[in-house]
Amino acid sequence: MRVEDFIDINAELHPTKRALVCGSDSLSYKELYDCVNSLSNEYKKFYAPLEIVSVRAFSNIDFVVKYFALHKAGCVVAPLDKDLPNEEEF
């Protein structure tokens, strides 16, 4: 079973229960399910299965949603330090 399967299950069993909390932001399991699936469907248009996608690892809900959505789309997610300089800064 993948982590995303647990999101799907909990969205059905506990749709209003909080799944993520970051500061004053939060998502219920249903909201997380909807966000992940919507974004995953978009990612499937741009990325091939098993494509490695690097993502800056910010400490926020958007990062978590993006991570799960990419994983659900079949990508391999490579989290990068949020403070890593851009290529043009080298």
Protein backbone atom coordinates (compact mmCIF):
# COMPACT_ATOMS: atom_id res chain seq x y z
CA MET A 1 0.00 0.00 0.00
CA ARG A 2 1.20 3.52 -0.79
CA VAL A 3 0.85 6.52 1.52
CA GLU A 4 -1.58 8.01 -1.01
CA ASP A 5 -3.86 4.98 -0.51
CA PHE A 6 -4.20 5.92 3.16
CA ILE A 7 -5.19 9.46 2.15
CA ASP A 8 -7.89 7.98 -0.08
CA ILE A 9 -9.15 5.67 2.67
CA ASN A 10 -9.19 8.37 5.34
CA ALA A 11 -10.91 10.83 2.99
CA GLU A 12 -13.78 8.36 2.83
CA LEU A 13 -13.78 7.27 6.48
CA HIS A 14 -12.97 10.63 8.12
CA PRO A 15 -13.58 13.38 5.54
CA THR A 16 -13.71 16.27 8.02
CA LYS A 17 -10.87 15.14 10.30
CA ARG A 18 -7.73 17.27 10.02
CA ALA A 19 -4.99 15.57 8.04
CA LEU A 20 -2.40 18.37 7.90
CA VAL A 21 -1.70 21.36 10.09
CA CYS A 22 1.00 23.93 9.40
CA GLY A 23 0.77 27.10 11.43
CA SER A 24 -2.69 28.53 10.91
CA ASP A 25 -3.27 26.47 7.73
CA SER A 26 -4.88 23.05 7.76
CA LEU A 27 -6.54 20.55 5.43
CA SER A 28 -9.06 17.86 6.20
CA TYR A 29 -8.57 14.42 4.69
CA LYS A 30 -11.19 15.21 2.04
CA GLU A 31 -9.52 18.51 1.17
CA LEU A 32 -6.12 16.81 1.02
CA TYR A 33 -7.56 14.05 -1.19
CA ASP A 34 -9.12 16.61 -3.55
CA CYS A 35 -5.94 18.71 -3.79
CA VAL A 36 -3.64 15.73 -4.32
CA ASN A 37 -5.84 14.13 -6.98
CA SER A 38 -6.42 17.36 -8.87
CA LEU A 39 -2.72 18.23 -8.96
CA SER A 40 -1.75 14.63 -9.73
CA ASN A 41 -3.96 14.66 -12.82
CA GLU A 42 -2.20 17.83 -13.99
CA TYR A 43 1.24 16.36 -13.36
CA LYS A 44 0.39 13.28 -15.43
CA LYS A 45 0.13 15.59 -18.45
CA PHE A 46 3.71 16.84 -18.02
CA TYR A 47 5.73 14.05 -16.40
CA ALA A 48 6.41 10.47 -17.47
CA PRO A 49 6.09 7.59 -15.01
CA LEU A 50 9.26 7.23 -12.91
CA GLU A 51 10.51 10.65 -14.00
CA ILE A 52 12.60 12.26 -11.27
CA VAL A 53 11.16 15.61 -10.22
CA SER A 54 13.03 17.87 -7.82
CA VAL A 55 10.99 20.02 -5.48
CA ARG A 56 12.14 22.56 -2.91
CA ALA A 57 11.15 21.26 0.52
CA PHE A 58 9.40 24.18 2.15
CA SER A 59 7.70 23.65 5.51
CA ASN A 60 4.18 24.24 4.28
CA ILE A 61 1.06 22.44 3.14
CA ASP A 62 1.74 23.19 -0.53
CA PHE A 63 4.94 21.14 -0.41
CA VAL A 64 3.17 18.15 1.15
CA VAL A 65 0.36 18.29 -1.43
CA LYS A 66 2.87 18.63 -4.28
CA TYR A 67 4.94 15.71 -2.92
CA PHE A 68 1.96 13.36 -2.67
CA ALA A 69 0.55 14.50 -6.04
CA LEU A 70 3.83 13.85 -7.85
CA HIS A 71 4.15 10.47 -6.16
CA LYS A 72 0.58 9.58 -7.08
CA ALA A 73 1.31 10.62 -10.68
CA GLY A 74 4.03 7.97 -10.71
CA CYS A 75 7.01 10.30 -10.38
CA VAL A 76 10.05 9.91 -8.19
CA VAL A 77 10.23 12.96 -5.94
CA ALA A 78 13.62 14.40 -5.03
CA PRO A 79 13.15 16.95 -2.23
CA LEU A 80 15.74 19.72 -2.27
CA ASP A 81 16.80 21.95 0.60
CA LYS A 82 14.65 25.07 0.45
CA ASP A 83 17.76 27.25 0.83
CA LEU A 84 19.71 25.64 -2.01
CA PRO A 85 20.85 28.38 -4.41
CA ASN A 86 19.50 28.49 -7.96
CA GLU A 87 21.78 27.42 -10.79
CA GLU A 88 22.29 30.99 -11.90
CA GLU A 89 23.62 31.86 -8.44
CA PHE A 90 26.66 29.54 -8.78
